[in-house]
Amino acid sequence: MKKRENKEATDMAHTFAFTVRSTEVDFIGHVNNAKYLEYMEWARFDWLIAEGYTIEELQKRHIFPVVVNMNVNYRSELVMGDEITIQTTLVNVGKRSFVIKHELHHEKKGLVADGLVTMVMIDQTQRRAVELPNELKELFLSLQKEELIP
C-alpha cells in the first residue's frame, strides 16, 4: 500500500470531477435521484484508491466496504452536460464504521446535493462487519476533518 503524505485539514477533501452524460438523464430531462447515489459511489472508490486502498489491496486483506446508511439532500437538479465536482471528506471514525460526507458542486448552481454515508468493513469470508484494521483506522483518523458524531 502506498504511504500518504501528511496534509493540512483544508486539503483533506478528495475531489472527483465528471460530466453528466445523456444516459444518466431520465424522461423528465434531469438526472434521476438514484444516479446521485452512484456519483457518490464513484467518488468514494476514487477516494479509497487515492489513499492506497485499491480493490486488490482490500482483497488481500479479505475485507470490503459496505454502505449501511445513506442520507442525501437534493438541492438542485442536474442535466446532461453539467460539469460536477464532488468533495469527499471523512467526518467520523468508529470501531467498526466510518462516515463520509459528499458534496456535489456545480460551477454556477453551487451546492446541488450533499450526503452522509455510513460504511462498515465486511469480512469477505464471514460476511459480517469487522473492526477497522489498525492501519486503515490510523489513516482514517489522520484524514478526519470534523467530528460529526461524538
N, C-alpha and C. Protein backbone atom coordinates (compact mmCIF):
# COMPACT_ATOMS: atom_id res chain seq x y z
N MET A 1 0.84 -1.17 0.00
CA MET A 1 0.00 0.00 0.00
C MET A 1 0.88 1.24 0.00
N LYS A 2 0.51 2.23 -0.78
CA LYS A 2 1.30 3.45 -0.83
C LYS A 2 1.16 4.23 0.47
N LYS A 3 2.19 4.95 0.82
CA LYS A 3 2.16 5.79 2.02
C LYS A 3 1.60 7.15 1.65
N ARG A 4 0.89 7.74 2.56
CA ARG A 4 0.24 9.02 2.35
C ARG A 4 1.04 10.11 3.04
N GLU A 5 1.20 11.22 2.35
CA GLU A 5 1.86 12.37 2.96
C GLU A 5 0.88 13.07 3.89
N ASN A 6 1.41 13.69 4.95
CA ASN A 6 0.54 14.46 5.85
C ASN A 6 -0.02 15.65 5.09
N LYS A 7 -1.27 15.94 5.31
CA LYS A 7 -1.92 17.07 4.66
C LYS A 7 -2.58 17.95 5.71
N GLU A 8 -2.72 19.21 5.39
CA GLU A 8 -3.44 20.13 6.26
C GLU A 8 -4.93 19.80 6.20
N ALA A 9 -5.68 20.19 7.21
CA ALA A 9 -7.12 19.89 7.26
C ALA A 9 -7.85 20.42 6.03
N THR A 10 -7.42 21.56 5.52
CA THR A 10 -8.11 22.13 4.36
C THR A 10 -7.88 21.31 3.10
N ASP A 11 -6.84 20.47 3.10
CA ASP A 11 -6.53 19.65 1.93
C ASP A 11 -7.12 18.24 2.05
N MET A 12 -7.87 17.96 3.10
CA MET A 12 -8.30 16.60 3.35
C MET A 12 -9.48 16.15 2.51
N ALA A 13 -10.17 17.07 1.87
CA ALA A 13 -11.28 16.68 1.00
C ALA A 13 -10.70 16.14 -0.31
N HIS A 14 -11.24 15.03 -0.75
CA HIS A 14 -10.84 14.45 -2.03
C HIS A 14 -11.78 14.98 -3.10
N THR A 15 -11.23 15.35 -4.24
CA THR A 15 -12.04 15.91 -5.33
C THR A 15 -12.17 14.92 -6.47
N PHE A 16 -13.39 14.75 -6.94
CA PHE A 16 -13.69 13.87 -8.08
C PHE A 16 -14.59 14.67 -9.02
N ALA A 17 -14.22 14.76 -10.28
CA ALA A 17 -14.99 15.56 -11.24
C ALA A 17 -15.48 14.69 -12.39
N PHE A 18 -16.64 15.05 -12.93
CA PHE A 18 -17.22 14.33 -14.06
C PHE A 18 -18.24 15.22 -14.76
N THR A 19 -18.66 14.79 -15.94
CA THR A 19 -19.69 15.48 -16.71
C THR A 19 -20.90 14.57 -16.82
N VAL A 20 -22.09 15.10 -16.56
CA VAL A 20 -23.32 14.32 -16.67
C VAL A 20 -23.53 13.91 -18.13
N ARG A 21 -23.76 12.60 -18.32
CA ARG A 21 -23.93 12.04 -19.67
C ARG A 21 -25.41 11.86 -20.01
N SER A 22 -25.68 11.73 -21.28
CA SER A 22 -27.07 11.59 -21.75
C SER A 22 -27.75 10.36 -21.17
N THR A 23 -27.01 9.30 -20.93
CA THR A 23 -27.59 8.06 -20.40
C THR A 23 -27.98 8.17 -18.93
N GLU A 24 -27.61 9.26 -18.28
CA GLU A 24 -27.91 9.45 -16.86
C GLU A 24 -29.14 10.33 -16.63
N VAL A 25 -29.75 10.77 -17.72
CA VAL A 25 -30.90 11.67 -17.65
C VAL A 25 -32.18 10.86 -17.85
N ASP A 26 -33.20 11.12 -17.04
CA ASP A 26 -34.45 10.37 -17.15
C ASP A 26 -35.44 11.06 -18.08
N PHE A 27 -36.66 10.54 -18.14
CA PHE A 27 -37.66 11.06 -19.07
C PHE A 27 -38.11 12.48 -18.74
N ILE A 28 -37.85 12.94 -17.53
CA ILE A 28 -38.19 14.31 -17.15
C ILE A 28 -37.16 15.30 -17.70
N GLY A 29 -35.99 14.79 -18.05
CA GLY A 29 -34.94 15.64 -18.60
C GLY A 29 -33.87 16.04 -17.60
N HIS A 30 -33.93 15.43 -16.42
CA HIS A 30 -32.87 15.69 -15.44
C HIS A 30 -32.33 14.37 -14.90
N VAL A 31 -31.27 14.46 -14.11
CA VAL A 31 -30.67 13.27 -13.53
C VAL A 31 -31.61 12.70 -12.47
N ASN A 32 -31.89 11.40 -12.59
CA ASN A 32 -32.73 10.71 -11.61
C ASN A 32 -32.03 10.67 -10.26
N ASN A 33 -32.81 10.72 -9.18
CA ASN A 33 -32.24 10.75 -7.83
C ASN A 33 -31.29 9.59 -7.55
N ALA A 34 -31.55 8.41 -8.10
CA ALA A 34 -30.70 7.25 -7.84
C ALA A 34 -29.29 7.44 -8.41
N LYS A 35 -29.16 8.22 -9.46
CA LYS A 35 -27.85 8.47 -10.06
C LYS A 35 -26.93 9.23 -9.12
N TYR A 36 -27.50 10.10 -8.28
CA TYR A 36 -26.69 10.85 -7.33
C TYR A 36 -25.95 9.87 -6.40
N LEU A 37 -26.65 8.79 -6.02
CA LEU A 37 -26.03 7.77 -5.17
C LEU A 37 -24.85 7.13 -5.89
N GLU A 38 -25.04 6.87 -7.18
CA GLU A 38 -23.97 6.28 -7.99
C GLU A 38 -22.79 7.25 -8.10
N TYR A 39 -23.07 8.52 -8.30
CA TYR A 39 -22.00 9.51 -8.38
C TYR A 39 -21.18 9.51 -7.08
N MET A 40 -21.88 9.44 -5.95
CA MET A 40 -21.19 9.42 -4.66
C MET A 40 -20.34 8.16 -4.53
N GLU A 41 -20.85 7.04 -5.04
CA GLU A 41 -20.09 5.80 -5.00
C GLU A 41 -18.81 5.93 -5.83
N TRP A 42 -18.91 6.52 -7.02
CA TRP A 42 -17.71 6.74 -7.84
C TRP A 42 -16.68 7.53 -7.04
N ALA A 43 -17.13 8.59 -6.38
CA ALA A 43 -16.22 9.46 -5.63
C ALA A 43 -15.60 8.71 -4.45
N ARG A 44 -16.40 7.88 -3.74
CA ARG A 44 -15.87 7.12 -2.60
C ARG A 44 -14.77 6.17 -3.03
N PHE A 45 -15.01 5.44 -4.11
CA PHE A 45 -13.99 4.49 -4.56
C PHE A 45 -12.76 5.20 -5.10
N ASP A 46 -12.96 6.33 -5.75
CA ASP A 46 -11.82 7.11 -6.22
C ASP A 46 -10.99 7.59 -5.02
N TRP A 47 -11.67 7.99 -3.94
CA TRP A 47 -11.00 8.43 -2.71
C TRP A 47 -10.22 7.28 -2.08
N LEU A 48 -10.87 6.10 -1.93
CA LEU A 48 -10.18 4.95 -1.33
C LEU A 48 -8.95 4.57 -2.14
N ILE A 49 -9.09 4.54 -3.45
CA ILE A 49 -7.96 4.19 -4.31
C ILE A 49 -6.84 5.21 -4.17
N ALA A 50 -7.19 6.49 -4.11
CA ALA A 50 -6.18 7.55 -3.94
C ALA A 50 -5.43 7.41 -2.62
N GLU A 51 -6.08 6.81 -1.62
CA GLU A 51 -5.45 6.61 -0.32
C GLU A 51 -4.71 5.27 -0.25
N GLY A 52 -4.65 4.54 -1.37
CA GLY A 52 -3.89 3.30 -1.41
C GLY A 52 -4.71 2.05 -1.19
N TYR A 53 -6.01 2.18 -1.03
CA TYR A 53 -6.87 1.02 -0.81
C TYR A 53 -7.59 0.65 -2.10
N THR A 54 -6.82 0.04 -3.00
CA THR A 54 -7.38 -0.44 -4.27
C THR A 54 -8.21 -1.69 -4.00
N ILE A 55 -8.94 -2.12 -4.99
CA ILE A 55 -9.71 -3.37 -4.86
C ILE A 55 -8.76 -4.52 -4.52
N GLU A 56 -7.60 -4.55 -5.18
CA GLU A 56 -6.62 -5.62 -4.92
C GLU A 56 -6.13 -5.58 -3.47
N GLU A 57 -5.88 -4.38 -2.96
CA GLU A 57 -5.41 -4.23 -1.58
C GLU A 57 -6.48 -4.71 -0.60
N LEU A 58 -7.72 -4.35 -0.84
CA LEU A 58 -8.82 -4.79 0.03
C LEU A 58 -8.99 -6.31 -0.05
N GLN A 59 -8.86 -6.87 -1.25
CA GLN A 59 -8.99 -8.32 -1.40
C GLN A 59 -7.88 -9.06 -0.65
N LYS A 60 -6.67 -8.50 -0.66
CA LYS A 60 -5.56 -9.11 0.09
C LYS A 60 -5.89 -9.17 1.58
N ARG A 61 -6.60 -8.17 2.05
CA ARG A 61 -6.97 -8.08 3.46
C ARG A 61 -8.28 -8.82 3.76
N HIS A 62 -8.94 -9.32 2.72
CA HIS A 62 -10.20 -10.06 2.84
C HIS A 62 -11.31 -9.21 3.45
N ILE A 63 -11.30 -7.92 3.13
CA ILE A 63 -12.35 -7.02 3.59
C ILE A 63 -12.83 -6.17 2.42
N PHE A 64 -14.04 -5.65 2.57
CA PHE A 64 -14.53 -4.69 1.58
C PHE A 64 -15.55 -3.77 2.24
N PRO A 65 -15.65 -2.52 1.74
CA PRO A 65 -16.56 -1.55 2.34
C PRO A 65 -18.00 -1.75 1.88
N VAL A 66 -18.92 -1.58 2.82
CA VAL A 66 -20.35 -1.73 2.53
C VAL A 66 -21.10 -0.55 3.15
N VAL A 67 -22.03 0.01 2.39
CA VAL A 67 -22.87 1.09 2.90
C VAL A 67 -23.94 0.50 3.82
N VAL A 68 -24.08 1.08 5.02
CA VAL A 68 -25.14 0.64 5.94
C VAL A 68 -26.18 1.73 6.17
N ASN A 69 -25.85 2.97 5.81
CA ASN A 69 -26.81 4.06 5.95
C ASN A 69 -26.40 5.18 5.00
N MET A 70 -27.41 5.82 4.41
CA MET A 70 -27.14 6.92 3.50
C MET A 70 -28.25 7.95 3.63
N ASN A 71 -27.87 9.21 3.73
CA ASN A 71 -28.83 10.30 3.82
C ASN A 71 -28.41 11.35 2.81
N VAL A 72 -29.29 11.68 1.87
CA VAL A 72 -28.95 12.61 0.79
C VAL A 72 -29.92 13.78 0.78
N ASN A 73 -29.39 14.97 0.59
CA ASN A 73 -30.17 16.18 0.39
C ASN A 73 -30.01 16.60 -1.07
N TYR A 74 -31.12 16.62 -1.79
CA TYR A 74 -31.11 17.04 -3.19
C TYR A 74 -31.48 18.52 -3.22
N ARG A 75 -30.59 19.36 -3.70
CA ARG A 75 -30.78 20.81 -3.62
C ARG A 75 -31.09 21.46 -4.96
N SER A 76 -30.60 20.89 -6.04
CA SER A 76 -30.81 21.47 -7.37
C SER A 76 -30.69 20.36 -8.40
N GLU A 77 -31.48 20.44 -9.45
CA GLU A 77 -31.43 19.38 -10.45
C GLU A 77 -30.16 19.49 -11.30
N LEU A 78 -29.77 18.33 -11.84
CA LEU A 78 -28.66 18.25 -12.78
C LEU A 78 -29.20 17.83 -14.13
N VAL A 79 -28.58 18.32 -15.20
CA VAL A 79 -28.99 17.97 -16.55
C VAL A 79 -27.77 17.55 -17.36
N MET A 80 -28.03 16.96 -18.52
CA MET A 80 -26.96 16.50 -19.38
C MET A 80 -25.97 17.64 -19.67
N GLY A 81 -24.68 17.31 -19.57
CA GLY A 81 -23.63 18.28 -19.85
C GLY A 81 -23.15 19.05 -18.64
N ASP A 82 -23.89 18.98 -17.52
CA ASP A 82 -23.43 19.67 -16.31
C ASP A 82 -22.09 19.08 -15.87
N GLU A 83 -21.18 19.96 -15.53
CA GLU A 83 -19.88 19.53 -15.00
C GLU A 83 -19.94 19.63 -13.49
N ILE A 84 -19.67 18.51 -12.84
CA ILE A 84 -19.86 18.39 -11.39
C ILE A 84 -18.53 18.03 -10.73
N THR A 85 -18.34 18.60 -9.55
CA THR A 85 -17.20 18.25 -8.71
C THR A 85 -17.75 17.73 -7.39
N ILE A 86 -17.26 16.58 -6.97
CA ILE A 86 -17.68 16.02 -5.68
C ILE A 86 -16.51 16.14 -4.71
N GLN A 87 -16.78 16.76 -3.56
CA GLN A 87 -15.81 16.82 -2.47
C GLN A 87 -16.18 15.71 -1.49
N THR A 88 -15.24 14.82 -1.23
CA THR A 88 -15.45 13.71 -0.31
C THR A 88 -14.57 13.92 0.90
N THR A 89 -15.20 13.89 2.08
CA THR A 89 -14.48 14.13 3.32
C THR A 89 -14.87 13.08 4.35
N LEU A 90 -13.90 12.58 5.07
CA LEU A 90 -14.16 11.65 6.16
C LEU A 90 -14.52 12.48 7.39
N VAL A 91 -15.69 12.22 7.98
CA VAL A 91 -16.13 13.04 9.11
C VAL A 91 -16.22 12.30 10.44
N ASN A 92 -16.17 10.98 10.42
CA ASN A 92 -16.22 10.25 11.69
C ASN A 92 -15.64 8.86 11.50
N VAL A 93 -14.91 8.41 12.53
CA VAL A 93 -14.32 7.07 12.52
C VAL A 93 -14.71 6.39 13.82
N GLY A 94 -15.34 5.23 13.71
CA GLY A 94 -15.70 4.45 14.88
C GLY A 94 -14.89 3.17 14.94
N LYS A 95 -15.31 2.27 15.81
CA LYS A 95 -14.61 0.99 15.96
C LYS A 95 -14.79 0.12 14.71
N ARG A 96 -16.01 0.08 14.19
CA ARG A 96 -16.31 -0.73 13.01
C ARG A 96 -16.79 0.08 11.82
N SER A 97 -17.13 1.32 12.05
CA SER A 97 -17.75 2.11 10.98
C SER A 97 -17.01 3.42 10.75
N PHE A 98 -17.33 4.03 9.63
CA PHE A 98 -16.83 5.37 9.32
C PHE A 98 -17.88 6.10 8.52
N VAL A 99 -17.89 7.42 8.64
CA VAL A 99 -18.89 8.25 7.98
C VAL A 99 -18.18 9.18 7.00
N ILE A 100 -18.70 9.20 5.78
CA ILE A 100 -18.15 10.03 4.72
C ILE A 100 -19.18 11.06 4.32
N LYS A 101 -18.72 12.28 4.10
CA LYS A 101 -19.59 13.36 3.63
C LYS A 101 -19.24 13.64 2.17
N HIS A 102 -20.27 13.69 1.33
CA HIS A 102 -20.10 14.06 -0.07
C HIS A 102 -20.83 15.37 -0.33
N GLU A 103 -20.18 16.27 -1.06
CA GLU A 103 -20.82 17.50 -1.51
C GLU A 103 -20.64 17.60 -3.01
N LEU A 104 -21.76 17.66 -3.74
CA LEU A 104 -21.73 17.79 -5.19
C LEU A 104 -21.90 19.26 -5.56
N HIS A 105 -20.94 19.79 -6.29
CA HIS A 105 -20.94 21.21 -6.65
C HIS A 105 -20.98 21.40 -8.16
N HIS A 106 -21.74 22.40 -8.56
CA HIS A 106 -21.82 22.85 -9.96
C HIS A 106 -21.28 24.28 -9.96
N GLU A 107 -20.51 24.63 -10.98
CA GLU A 107 -19.86 25.95 -11.01
C GLU A 107 -20.85 27.10 -10.85
N LYS A 108 -22.00 27.03 -11.51
CA LYS A 108 -22.97 28.13 -11.45
C LYS A 108 -24.06 27.91 -10.40
N LYS A 109 -24.50 26.67 -10.24
CA LYS A 109 -25.60 26.37 -9.31
C LYS A 109 -25.12 26.23 -7.87
N GLY A 110 -23.83 26.08 -7.66
CA GLY A 110 -23.29 25.89 -6.32
C GLY A 110 -23.50 24.46 -5.83
N LEU A 111 -23.83 24.32 -4.56
CA LEU A 111 -24.07 23.01 -3.96
C LEU A 111 -25.38 22.45 -4.50
N VAL A 112 -25.31 21.32 -5.23
CA VAL A 112 -26.51 20.74 -5.82
C VAL A 112 -27.03 19.54 -5.03
N ALA A 113 -26.15 18.93 -4.23
CA ALA A 113 -26.56 17.81 -3.38
C ALA A 113 -25.46 17.55 -2.36
N ASP A 114 -25.86 16.98 -1.24
CA ASP A 114 -24.87 16.54 -0.26
C ASP A 114 -25.41 15.31 0.44
N GLY A 115 -24.51 14.52 0.97
CA GLY A 115 -24.95 13.31 1.62
C GLY A 115 -23.96 12.82 2.65
N LEU A 116 -24.49 12.08 3.62
CA LEU A 116 -23.67 11.40 4.61
C LEU A 116 -23.84 9.91 4.40
N VAL A 117 -22.73 9.21 4.34
CA VAL A 117 -22.74 7.77 4.09
C VAL A 117 -22.00 7.07 5.22
N THR A 118 -22.69 6.17 5.91
CA THR A 118 -22.06 5.36 6.95
C THR A 118 -21.70 4.02 6.34
N MET A 119 -20.44 3.63 6.55
CA MET A 119 -19.95 2.39 5.97
C MET A 119 -19.29 1.53 7.04
N VAL A 120 -19.26 0.24 6.79
CA VAL A 120 -18.51 -0.70 7.61
C VAL A 120 -17.64 -1.53 6.68
N MET A 121 -16.63 -2.17 7.26
CA MET A 121 -15.84 -3.13 6.51
C MET A 121 -16.39 -4.52 6.81
N ILE A 122 -16.64 -5.26 5.76
CA ILE A 122 -17.18 -6.61 5.87
C ILE A 122 -16.05 -7.61 5.64
N ASP A 123 -15.98 -8.63 6.48
CA ASP A 123 -15.05 -9.72 6.26
C ASP A 123 -15.54 -10.53 5.07
N GLN A 124 -14.67 -10.74 4.11
CA GLN A 124 -15.04 -11.40 2.86
C GLN A 124 -15.55 -12.82 3.08
N THR A 125 -15.03 -13.52 4.07
CA THR A 125 -15.42 -14.90 4.32
C THR A 125 -16.65 -14.98 5.22
N GLN A 126 -16.61 -14.26 6.34
CA GLN A 126 -17.70 -14.33 7.32
C GLN A 126 -18.92 -13.52 6.91
N ARG A 127 -18.71 -12.55 5.99
CA ARG A 127 -19.80 -11.69 5.50
C ARG A 127 -20.45 -10.91 6.64
N ARG A 128 -19.61 -10.49 7.61
CA ARG A 128 -20.07 -9.69 8.74
C ARG A 128 -19.15 -8.50 8.92
N ALA A 129 -19.68 -7.47 9.57
CA ALA A 129 -18.87 -6.29 9.87
C ALA A 129 -17.75 -6.67 10.84
N VAL A 130 -16.57 -6.14 10.58
CA VAL A 130 -15.42 -6.38 11.44
C VAL A 130 -14.83 -5.04 11.87
N GLU A 131 -14.01 -5.08 12.90
CA GLU A 131 -13.33 -3.86 13.32
C GLU A 131 -12.45 -3.37 12.19
N LEU A 132 -12.33 -2.06 12.09
CA LEU A 132 -11.45 -1.49 11.07
C LEU A 132 -10.01 -1.92 11.37
N PRO A 133 -9.27 -2.40 10.37
CA PRO A 133 -7.87 -2.74 10.60
C PRO A 133 -7.11 -1.51 11.12
N ASN A 134 -6.16 -1.73 12.04
CA ASN A 134 -5.44 -0.62 12.68
C ASN A 134 -4.85 0.36 11.67
N GLU A 135 -4.21 -0.16 10.63
CA GLU A 135 -3.58 0.72 9.64
C GLU A 135 -4.63 1.60 8.94
N LEU A 136 -5.78 1.01 8.63
CA LEU A 136 -6.85 1.76 7.98
C LEU A 136 -7.44 2.78 8.95
N LYS A 137 -7.64 2.35 10.21
CA LYS A 137 -8.20 3.26 11.21
C LYS A 137 -7.26 4.45 11.43
N GLU A 138 -5.95 4.20 11.51
CA GLU A 138 -4.98 5.28 11.67
C GLU A 138 -5.03 6.24 10.49
N LEU A 139 -5.12 5.69 9.29
CA LEU A 139 -5.23 6.53 8.10
C LEU A 139 -6.49 7.38 8.19
N PHE A 140 -7.61 6.74 8.51
CA PHE A 140 -8.87 7.46 8.60
C PHE A 140 -8.81 8.57 9.66
N LEU A 141 -8.22 8.27 10.81
CA LEU A 141 -8.12 9.28 11.86
C LEU A 141 -7.27 10.46 11.41
N SER A 142 -6.25 10.20 10.59
CA SER A 142 -5.42 11.29 10.09
C SER A 142 -6.17 12.13 9.05
N LEU A 143 -7.18 11.53 8.42
CA LEU A 143 -7.96 12.22 7.40
C LEU A 143 -9.20 12.91 7.95
N GLN A 144 -9.61 12.51 9.14
CA GLN A 144 -10.87 13.01 9.69
C GLN A 144 -10.84 14.52 9.80
N LYS A 145 -11.79 15.18 9.13
CA LYS A 145 -11.81 16.64 9.07
C LYS A 145 -12.64 17.25 10.19
N GLU A 146 -13.74 16.63 10.51
CA GLU A 146 -14.62 17.19 11.53
C GLU A 146 -15.30 16.04 12.23
N GLU A 147 -15.68 16.23 13.46
CA GLU A 147 -16.38 15.17 14.17
C GLU A 147 -17.87 15.40 14.04
N LEU A 148 -18.52 14.44 13.45
CA LEU A 148 -19.96 14.54 13.22
C LEU A 148 -20.73 13.91 14.38
N ILE A 149 -20.20 12.80 14.87
CA ILE A 149 -20.88 12.04 15.92
C ILE A 149 -19.95 11.98 17.12
N PRO A 150 -20.36 12.45 18.28
CA PRO A 150 -19.46 12.44 19.46
C PRO A 150 -19.11 11.04 19.90
